[in-house]
C-alpha atoms as a PDB file:
ATOM      1  CA  MET A   1       0.327  27.421 124.913  1.00  0.00           C
ATOM      2  CA  ILE A   2      -3.399  29.067 125.234  1.00  0.00           C
ATOM      3  CA  THR A   3      -4.411  29.580 121.733  1.00  0.00           C
ATOM      4  CA  ASP A   4      -7.885  31.032 121.741  1.00  0.00           C
ATOM      5  CA  TRP A   5      -8.052  34.588 120.283  1.00  0.00           C
ATOM      6  CA  GLN A   6     -10.451  36.170 122.967  1.00  0.00           C
ATOM      7  CA  PHE A   7      -7.712  35.583 125.660  1.00  0.00           C
ATOM      8  CA  TYR A   8      -5.336  37.702 123.579  1.00  0.00           C
ATOM      9  CA  ALA A   9      -7.828  40.125 122.832  1.00  0.00           C
ATOM     10  CA  PHE A  10      -7.511  41.167 126.739  1.00  0.00           C
ATOM     11  CA  ALA A  11      -4.267  39.960 126.992  1.00  0.00           C
ATOM     12  CA  ALA A  12      -2.578  42.332 124.825  1.00  0.00           C
ATOM     13  CA  PRO A  13      -3.975  45.358 126.446  1.00  0.00           C
ATOM     14  CA  ALA A  14      -2.810  44.166 129.662  1.00  0.00           C
ATOM     15  CA  VAL A  15       0.225  43.579 128.964  1.00  0.00           C
ATOM     16  CA  ILE A  16       0.589  47.046 126.991  1.00  0.00           C
ATOM     17  CA  LEU A  17      -0.576  48.608 130.122  1.00  0.00           C
ATOM     18  CA  VAL A  18       2.048  46.822 132.592  1.00  0.00           C
ATOM     19  CA  GLY A  19       5.006  47.685 130.249  1.00  0.00           C
ATOM     20  CA  LEU A  20       4.006  51.542 130.761  1.00  0.00           C
ATOM     21  CA  GLY A  21       3.567  51.000 134.162  1.00  0.00           C
ATOM     22  CA  LYS A  22       7.149  49.647 134.277  1.00  0.00           C
ATOM     23  CA  GLY A  23       8.124  52.401 132.173  1.00  0.00           C
ATOM     24  CA  GLY A  24       7.139  54.500 134.791  1.00  0.00           C
ATOM     25  CA  PHE A  25       3.460  55.135 134.642  1.00  0.00           C
ATOM     26  CA  SER A  26       2.470  53.118 137.925  1.00  0.00           C
ATOM     27  CA  GLY A  27      -1.165  53.613 138.058  1.00  0.00           C
ATOM     28  CA  LEU A  28      -1.468  52.229 134.111  1.00  0.00           C
ATOM     29  CA  GLY A  29      -0.496  48.857 135.318  1.00  0.00           C
ATOM     30  CA  LEU A  30      -3.091  48.061 137.860  1.00  0.00           C
ATOM     31  CA  LEU A  31      -5.317  48.071 135.362  1.00  0.00           C
ATOM     32  CA  SER A  32      -4.122  44.823 133.499  1.00  0.00           C
ATOM     33  CA  PHE A  33      -5.656  42.714 136.494  1.00  0.00           C
ATOM     34  CA  PRO A  34      -9.120  43.338 135.901  1.00  0.00           C
ATOM     35  CA  LEU A  35      -8.579  42.564 132.575  1.00  0.00           C
ATOM     36  CA  MET A  36      -6.771  39.702 132.347  1.00  0.00           C
ATOM     37  CA  ALA A  37      -9.299  38.369 135.226  1.00  0.00           C
ATOM     38  CA  LEU A  38     -11.893  38.370 132.476  1.00  0.00           C
ATOM     39  CA  VAL A  39     -10.361  35.505 130.561  1.00  0.00           C
ATOM     40  CA  ALA A  40      -8.475  33.333 132.855  1.00  0.00           C
ATOM     41  CA  PRO A  41      -9.033  32.424 136.362  1.00  0.00           C
ATOM     42  CA  PRO A  42      -6.980  34.757 139.185  1.00  0.00           C
ATOM     43  CA  ILE A  43      -4.347  32.919 140.290  1.00  0.00           C
ATOM     44  CA  GLN A  44      -3.620  31.423 136.584  1.00  0.00           C
ATOM     45  CA  ALA A  45      -3.818  35.014 135.387  1.00  0.00           C
ATOM     46  CA  ALA A  46      -1.480  36.106 138.026  1.00  0.00           C
ATOM     47  CA  ALA A  47       0.996  33.507 136.858  1.00  0.00           C
ATOM     48  CA  ILE A  48       1.002  33.930 133.071  1.00  0.00           C
ATOM     49  CA  ILE A  49       1.800  38.046 133.945  1.00  0.00           C
ATOM     50  CA  LEU A  50       4.432  37.388 136.477  1.00  0.00           C
ATOM     51  CA  PRO A  51       7.091  36.347 133.865  1.00  0.00           C
ATOM     52  CA  ILE A  52       6.337  38.836 131.967  1.00  0.00           C
ATOM     53  CA  LEU A  53       6.884  41.153 134.656  1.00  0.00           C
ATOM     54  CA  MET A  54       9.613  39.491 135.712  1.00  0.00           C
ATOM     55  CA  LEU A  55      11.194  40.409 132.240  1.00  0.00           C
ATOM     56  CA  GLN A  56      10.275  43.982 131.924  1.00  0.00           C
ATOM     57  CA  ASP A  57      11.804  44.358 135.491  1.00  0.00           C
ATOM     58  CA  LEU A  58      15.250  44.027 134.024  1.00  0.00           C
ATOM     59  CA  ILE A  59      14.656  46.780 131.459  1.00  0.00           C
ATOM     60  CA  GLY A  60      13.405  48.949 134.229  1.00  0.00           C
ATOM     61  CA  VAL A  61      16.381  48.424 136.447  1.00  0.00           C
ATOM     62  CA  TRP A  62      18.950  49.095 133.721  1.00  0.00           C
ATOM     63  CA  ALA A  63      16.499  52.518 132.737  1.00  0.00           C
ATOM     64  CA  PHE A  64      16.399  53.590 136.523  1.00  0.00           C
ATOM     65  CA  ARG A  65      19.706  52.053 137.894  1.00  0.00           C
ATOM     66  CA  ARG A  66      20.618  55.511 138.459  1.00  0.00           C
ATOM     67  CA  GLU A  67      17.727  56.760 139.931  1.00  0.00           C
ATOM     68  CA  TYR A  68      16.116  55.381 143.028  1.00  0.00           C
ATOM     69  CA  SER A  69      15.690  55.929 146.766  1.00  0.00           C
ATOM     70  CA  ARG A  70      17.767  53.748 148.513  1.00  0.00           C
ATOM     71  CA  GLU A  71      16.751  54.811 151.517  1.00  0.00           C
ATOM     72  CA  ASN A  72      12.477  53.938 151.213  1.00  0.00           C
ATOM     73  CA  LEU A  73      13.704  50.539 149.674  1.00  0.00           C
ATOM     74  CA  LYS A  74      15.242  49.794 152.743  1.00  0.00           C
ATOM     75  CA  MET A  75      12.438  50.338 154.772  1.00  0.00           C
ATOM     76  CA  LEU A  76       9.722  49.049 152.493  1.00  0.00           C
ATOM     77  CA  ILE A  77      11.446  45.662 151.270  1.00  0.00           C
ATOM     78  CA  PRO A  78      11.211  43.950 154.793  1.00  0.00           C
ATOM     79  CA  GLY A  79       7.328  44.587 155.091  1.00  0.00           C
ATOM     80  CA  ALA A  80       7.154  43.319 151.591  1.00  0.00           C
ATOM     81  CA  LEU A  81       8.920  40.046 153.018  1.00  0.00           C
ATOM     82  CA  VAL A  82       6.058  39.246 155.370  1.00  0.00           C
ATOM     83  CA  GLY A  83       3.381  40.443 152.784  1.00  0.00           C
ATOM     84  CA  LEU A  84       4.365  37.999 150.409  1.00  0.00           C
ATOM     85  CA  PHE A  85       5.260  35.421 152.684  1.00  0.00           C
ATOM     86  CA  VAL A  86       1.165  36.204 153.861  1.00  0.00           C
ATOM     87  CA  GLY A  87       0.145  36.209 150.953  1.00  0.00           C
ATOM     88  CA  TYR A  88       1.029  32.635 149.721  1.00  0.00           C
ATOM     89  CA  LEU A  89      -0.130  31.407 153.004  1.00  0.00           C
ATOM     90  CA  PHE A  90      -3.632  32.999 151.786  1.00  0.00           C
ATOM     91  CA  ALA A  91      -3.800  32.611 148.181  1.00  0.00           C
ATOM     92  CA  ARG A  92      -5.759  29.104 148.472  1.00  0.00           C
ATOM     93  CA  THR A  93      -8.001  30.286 150.446  1.00  0.00           C
ATOM     94  CA  VAL A  94      -8.933  34.185 150.309  1.00  0.00           C
ATOM     95  CA  PRO A  95     -11.595  34.962 147.919  1.00  0.00           C
ATOM     96  CA  ASP A  96     -10.192  36.846 145.241  1.00  0.00           C
ATOM     97  CA  ALA A  97     -13.268  39.525 145.229  1.00  0.00           C
ATOM     98  CA  ALA A  98     -12.022  40.506 148.817  1.00  0.00           C
ATOM     99  CA  ILE A  99      -8.659  41.378 147.664  1.00  0.00           C
ATOM    100  CA  LEU A 100     -10.208  43.139 144.967  1.00  0.00           C
ATOM    101  CA  LEU A 101     -12.356  44.984 146.856  1.00  0.00           C
ATOM    102  CA  LEU A 102      -9.865  46.064 149.505  1.00  0.00           C
ATOM    103  CA  VAL A 103      -7.274  47.137 146.935  1.00  0.00           C
ATOM    104  CA  GLY A 104     -10.039  49.642 145.449  1.00  0.00           C
ATOM    105  CA  VAL A 105     -11.007  50.988 148.698  1.00  0.00           C
ATOM    106  CA  ILE A 106      -7.493  51.688 149.326  1.00  0.00           C
ATOM    107  CA  SER A 107      -6.966  53.395 145.770  1.00  0.00           C
ATOM    108  CA  THR A 108      -9.652  55.374 146.043  1.00  0.00           C
ATOM    109  CA  LEU A 109      -9.658  56.897 149.452  1.00  0.00           C
ATOM    110  CA  PHE A 110      -6.106  57.515 148.831  1.00  0.00           C
ATOM    111  CA  VAL A 111      -6.977  59.744 146.002  1.00  0.00           C
ATOM    112  CA  ILE A 112      -9.737  61.499 147.591  1.00  0.00           C
ATOM    113  CA  PHE A 113      -7.684  61.820 150.732  1.00  0.00           C
ATOM    114  CA  THR A 114      -4.568  63.484 148.689  1.00  0.00           C
ATOM    115  CA  PHE A 115      -6.933  65.695 147.122  1.00  0.00           C
ATOM    116  CA  VAL A 116      -8.746  67.322 150.200  1.00  0.00           C
ATOM    117  CA  GLY A 117      -5.231  67.623 151.387  1.00  0.00           C
ATOM    118  CA  ALA A 118      -4.458  69.685 148.301  1.00  0.00           C
ATOM    119  CA  ARG A 119      -7.589  71.695 148.595  1.00  0.00           C
ATOM    120  CA  ARG A 120      -7.172  72.582 151.723  1.00  0.00           C
ATOM    121  CA  GLY A 121      -3.070  73.191 151.596  1.00  0.00           C
ATOM    122  CA  GLN A 122      -0.570  70.597 151.762  1.00  0.00           C
ATOM    123  CA  VAL A 123       2.375  70.807 154.122  1.00  0.00           C
ATOM    124  CA  ASP A 124       5.561  69.861 153.000  1.00  0.00           C
ATOM    125  CA  PRO A 125       6.391  66.514 151.793  1.00  0.00           C
ATOM    126  CA  PRO A 126       7.061  63.817 154.413  1.00  0.00           C
ATOM    127  CA  THR A 127      10.171  62.291 154.895  1.00  0.00           C
ATOM    128  CA  PRO A 128      10.323  58.556 154.811  1.00  0.00           C
ATOM    129  CA  ASN A 129       9.056  57.162 157.979  1.00  0.00           C
ATOM    130  CA  GLY A 130      10.007  53.654 159.158  1.00  0.00           C
ATOM    131  CA  TRP A 131       6.839  52.653 160.657  1.00  0.00           C
ATOM    132  CA  SER A 132       4.468  53.478 157.252  1.00  0.00           C
ATOM    133  CA  ALA A 133       6.977  51.779 155.159  1.00  0.00           C
ATOM    134  CA  THR A 134       7.000  48.277 156.401  1.00  0.00           C
ATOM    135  CA  LEU A 135       3.052  48.548 156.889  1.00  0.00           C
ATOM    136  CA  TRP A 136       2.693  49.874 153.549  1.00  0.00           C
ATOM    137  CA  GLY A 137       5.232  47.741 151.892  1.00  0.00           C
ATOM    138  CA  GLY A 138       3.634  44.663 153.902  1.00  0.00           C
ATOM    139  CA  ILE A 139       0.165  45.081 152.344  1.00  0.00           C
ATOM    140  CA  SER A 140       1.619  46.094 148.839  1.00  0.00           C
ATOM    141  CA  GLY A 141       3.431  42.495 149.366  1.00  0.00           C
ATOM    142  CA  PHE A 142       0.350  41.113 149.947  1.00  0.00           C
ATOM    143  CA  THR A 143      -1.817  42.368 147.269  1.00  0.00           C
ATOM    144  CA  SER A 144       0.829  42.213 144.906  1.00  0.00           C
ATOM    145  CA  PHE A 145       0.993  38.247 145.202  1.00  0.00           C
ATOM    146  CA  ILE A 146      -2.914  37.983 145.250  1.00  0.00           C
ATOM    147  CA  ALA A 147      -3.924  39.526 142.294  1.00  0.00           C
ATOM    148  CA  ASN A 148      -0.776  41.373 141.036  1.00  0.00           C
ATOM    149  CA  ALA A 149      -2.012  44.810 142.298  1.00  0.00           C
ATOM    150  CA  GLY A 150       0.740  45.932 144.856  1.00  0.00           C
ATOM    151  CA  GLY A 151       0.996  49.452 143.265  1.00  0.00           C
ATOM    152  CA  PRO A 152      -1.858  51.451 145.493  1.00  0.00           C
ATOM    153  CA  PRO A 153      -0.679  50.484 148.758  1.00  0.00           C
ATOM    154  CA  LEU A 154       3.163  51.756 147.286  1.00  0.00           C
ATOM    155  CA  GLN A 155       1.580  54.861 145.861  1.00  0.00           C
ATOM    156  CA  VAL A 156      -0.089  55.593 149.255  1.00  0.00           C
ATOM    157  CA  TYR A 157       3.131  55.615 150.930  1.00  0.00           C
ATOM    158  CA  LEU A 158       5.587  57.232 147.783  1.00  0.00           C
ATOM    159  CA  LEU A 159       3.135  59.594 146.000  1.00  0.00           C
ATOM    160  CA  PRO A 160       3.126  61.883 149.303  1.00  0.00           C
ATOM    161  CA  GLN A 161       6.443  62.398 149.717  1.00  0.00           C
ATOM    162  CA  LYS A 162       6.788  64.131 145.860  1.00  0.00           C
ATOM    163  CA  LEU A 163       9.686  62.811 144.375  1.00  0.00           C
ATOM    164  CA  SER A 164      10.538  63.630 141.053  1.00  0.00           C
ATOM    165  CA  PRO A 165       8.955  61.474 138.025  1.00  0.00           C
ATOM    166  CA  ARG A 166      11.783  59.636 137.539  1.00  0.00           C
ATOM    167  CA  LEU A 167      12.904  58.925 140.711  1.00  0.00           C
ATOM    168  CA  TYR A 168       9.331  58.129 142.079  1.00  0.00           C
ATOM    169  CA  ALA A 169       9.511  55.621 138.959  1.00  0.00           C
ATOM    170  CA  GLY A 170      13.028  54.186 139.992  1.00  0.00           C
ATOM    171  CA  THR A 171      11.783  53.527 143.775  1.00  0.00           C
ATOM    172  CA  ALA A 172       8.971  51.573 142.363  1.00  0.00           C
ATOM    173  CA  THR A 173      10.771  49.828 139.836  1.00  0.00           C
ATOM    174  CA  MET A 174      13.546  48.429 141.847  1.00  0.00           C
ATOM    175  CA  PHE A 175      10.689  47.606 144.325  1.00  0.00           C
ATOM    176  CA  PHE A 176       8.387  45.214 142.237  1.00  0.00           C
ATOM    177  CA  THR A 177      11.332  43.800 140.774  1.00  0.00           C
ATOM    178  CA  VAL A 178      12.535  42.061 144.500  1.00  0.00           C
ATOM    179  CA  VAL A 179       9.014  41.471 144.664  1.00  0.00           C
ATOM    180  CA  ASN A 180       8.436  39.698 141.611  1.00  0.00           C
ATOM    181  CA  TYR A 181      11.347  37.474 141.768  1.00  0.00           C
ATOM    182  CA  LEU A 182      10.846  36.437 144.919  1.00  0.00           C
ATOM    183  CA  LYS A 183       7.335  35.481 144.137  1.00  0.00           C
ATOM    184  CA  PHE A 184       8.112  33.033 141.129  1.00  0.00           C
ATOM    185  CA  PRO A 185       9.192  30.246 143.264  1.00  0.00           C
ATOM    186  CA  ALA A 186       5.820  30.649 145.500  1.00  0.00           C
ATOM    187  CA  PHE A 187       3.824  30.120 142.672  1.00  0.00           C
ATOM    188  CA  ILE A 188       5.682  26.836 141.405  1.00  0.00           C
ATOM    189  CA  GLN A 189       5.039  25.633 144.664  1.00  0.00           C
ATOM    190  CA  LEU A 190       1.566  26.299 144.081  1.00  0.00           C
ATOM    191  CA  GLY A 191       1.793  24.690 140.666  1.00  0.00           C
ATOM    192  CA  GLU A 192       0.563  27.328 138.329  1.00  0.00           C
ATOM    193  CA  MET A 193       3.720  27.428 136.421  1.00  0.00           C
ATOM    194  CA  THR A 194       2.926  24.975 133.820  1.00  0.00           C
ATOM    195  CA  ARG A 195       4.260  24.947 130.591  1.00  0.00           C
ATOM    196  CA  GLN A 196       0.949  25.984 128.946  1.00  0.00           C
ATOM    197  CA  ASN A 197       1.369  29.087 131.236  1.00  0.00           C
ATOM    198  CA  MET A 198       4.992  29.535 130.332  1.00  0.00           C
ATOM    199  CA  LEU A 199       4.555  29.505 126.558  1.00  0.00           C
ATOM    200  CA  THR A 200       1.615  31.903 126.846  1.00  0.00           C
ATOM    201  CA  SER A 201       3.987  34.235 128.762  1.00  0.00           C
ATOM    202  CA  ALA A 202       6.595  33.921 126.426  1.00  0.00           C
ATOM    203  CA  ALA A 203       4.846  34.649 123.369  1.00  0.00           C
ATOM    204  CA  LEU A 204       3.638  37.998 125.094  1.00  0.00           C
ATOM    205  CA  PHE A 205       7.033  38.770 125.926  1.00  0.00           C
ATOM    206  CA  PRO A 206       8.388  40.942 122.134  1.00  0.00           C
ATOM    207  CA  LEU A 207       4.583  43.067 122.899  1.00  0.00           C
ATOM    208  CA  ALA A 208       6.207  43.662 126.782  1.00  0.00           C
ATOM    209  CA  VAL A 209       9.389  44.713 125.869  1.00  0.00           C
ATOM    210  CA  ALA A 210       7.876  47.126 123.046  1.00  0.00           C
ATOM    211  CA  ALA A 211       5.554  48.431 125.878  1.00  0.00           C
ATOM    212  CA  VAL A 212       8.333  48.740 128.946  1.00  0.00           C
ATOM    213  CA  LEU A 213      10.157  50.949 126.245  1.00  0.00           C
ATOM    214  CA  SER A 214       7.477  53.089 125.536  1.00  0.00           C
ATOM    215  CA  GLY A 215       6.589  53.974 128.800  1.00  0.00           C
ATOM    216  CA  ILE A 216      10.227  55.082 129.335  1.00  0.00           C
ATOM    217  CA  TRP A 217      10.496  57.161 126.763  1.00  0.00           C
ATOM    218  CA  LEU A 218       7.393  58.665 127.566  1.00  0.00           C
ATOM    219  CA  VAL A 219       7.822  59.168 131.623  1.00  0.00           C
ATOM    220  CA  ARG A 220      11.293  61.466 130.479  1.00  0.00           C
ATOM    221  CA  ARG A 221       8.630  64.018 128.186  1.00  0.00           C
ATOM    222  CA  VAL A 222       5.744  64.395 130.754  1.00  0.00           C
ATOM    223  CA  SER A 223       5.858  67.076 133.068  1.00  0.00           C
ATOM    224  CA  ALA A 224       5.997  66.164 137.304  1.00  0.00           C
ATOM    225  CA  GLU A 225       2.780  68.022 137.301  1.00  0.00           C
ATOM    226  CA  ARG A 226       0.950  66.082 134.180  1.00  0.00           C
ATOM    227  CA  PHE A 227       2.890  62.839 135.836  1.00  0.00           C
ATOM    228  CA  TYR A 228       1.312  62.843 139.055  1.00  0.00           C
ATOM    229  CA  LYS A 229      -2.439  63.814 137.763  1.00  0.00           C
ATOM    230  CA  ILE A 230      -2.189  60.733 135.089  1.00  0.00           C
ATOM    231  CA  VAL A 231      -1.395  58.520 138.330  1.00  0.00           C
ATOM    232  CA  TYR A 232      -3.729  59.371 140.575  1.00  0.00           C
ATOM    233  CA  ALA A 233      -6.978  59.613 137.913  1.00  0.00           C
ATOM    234  CA  PHE A 234      -5.763  55.874 136.840  1.00  0.00           C
ATOM    235  CA  THR A 235      -5.117  55.140 140.485  1.00  0.00           C
ATOM    236  CA  PHE A 236      -8.837  56.367 141.163  1.00  0.00           C
ATOM    237  CA  ILE A 237     -10.276  55.138 137.977  1.00  0.00           C
ATOM    238  CA  VAL A 238      -9.215  51.596 138.598  1.00  0.00           C
ATOM    239  CA  GLY A 239     -10.320  51.568 142.263  1.00  0.00           C
ATOM    240  CA  LEU A 240     -13.694  52.009 141.553  1.00  0.00           C
ATOM    241  CA  LYS A 241     -13.380  49.209 139.006  1.00  0.00           C
ATOM    242  CA  LEU A 242     -12.014  47.265 141.474  1.00  0.00           C
ATOM    243  CA  ILE A 243     -14.853  48.010 144.145  1.00  0.00           C
ATOM    244  CA  TRP A 244     -17.400  47.285 141.306  1.00  0.00           C
ATOM    245  CA  ASP A 245     -15.933  43.627 140.687  1.00  0.00           C
ATOM    246  CA  GLY A 246     -15.261  42.732 144.311  1.00  0.00           C
ATOM    247  CA  VAL A 247     -18.743  44.025 145.552  1.00  0.00           C
ATOM    248  CA  LYS A 248     -20.773  41.841 142.579  1.00  0.00           C
ATOM    249  CA  GLU A 249     -18.254  38.724 143.090  1.00  0.00           C
ATOM    250  CA  LEU A 250     -19.139  38.838 146.505  1.00  0.00           C
ATOM    251  CA  THR A 251     -22.706  39.319 146.325  1.00  0.00           C
ATOM    252  CA  SER A 252     -23.369  37.073 143.134  1.00  0.00           C
END
């Protein structure tokens, strides 16, 4: 188990953010990866956080077991499977900085596009679409595997539908539960599920459970309008952070 206090100084806030994200505030979860990457190699950071995600997924599945869009999931998951496979193949070769940059660009452009659309007067929310779901589900699976950053691509597809906060949170929870449990054997194959990493994950389990329960409690008490403002704001901020990190690493 990692015993360096500096690691936990960053890992604890990261786990709290992931838990709040699992509880419904999806934009917050993406902030965890930059924090963890400050104190651990990216792939190791992803491996440590994965068992925590899997535990939080179980809580989220129970909390949202009656509130999720089956229609969206049926179209999203096939694309995610392809994205996960591609992510596994590229995990040892694709620069982490390039993935951070890609996710950051997607995040910020999505928020800008949504803001411009709102200013011009948005049309009715789109209905679930198979081609769009396959595309964004695939990108989400890929970025989730490489950088635990599958949230923004999924938001590109789901948020324009204007689902209720609970339905949106439930659909995202079910989607990432499938994605995360499928990632685990691949991380074993990559040699990242070591005894040290697993024990480090276990040490953070109590905090992880408390965080996700807090997120579930909060999402029930936040209005839909405020909910989406929070998600959009955090998505944009994190997008800028990822762009900065990606460019800095690629040019250093």
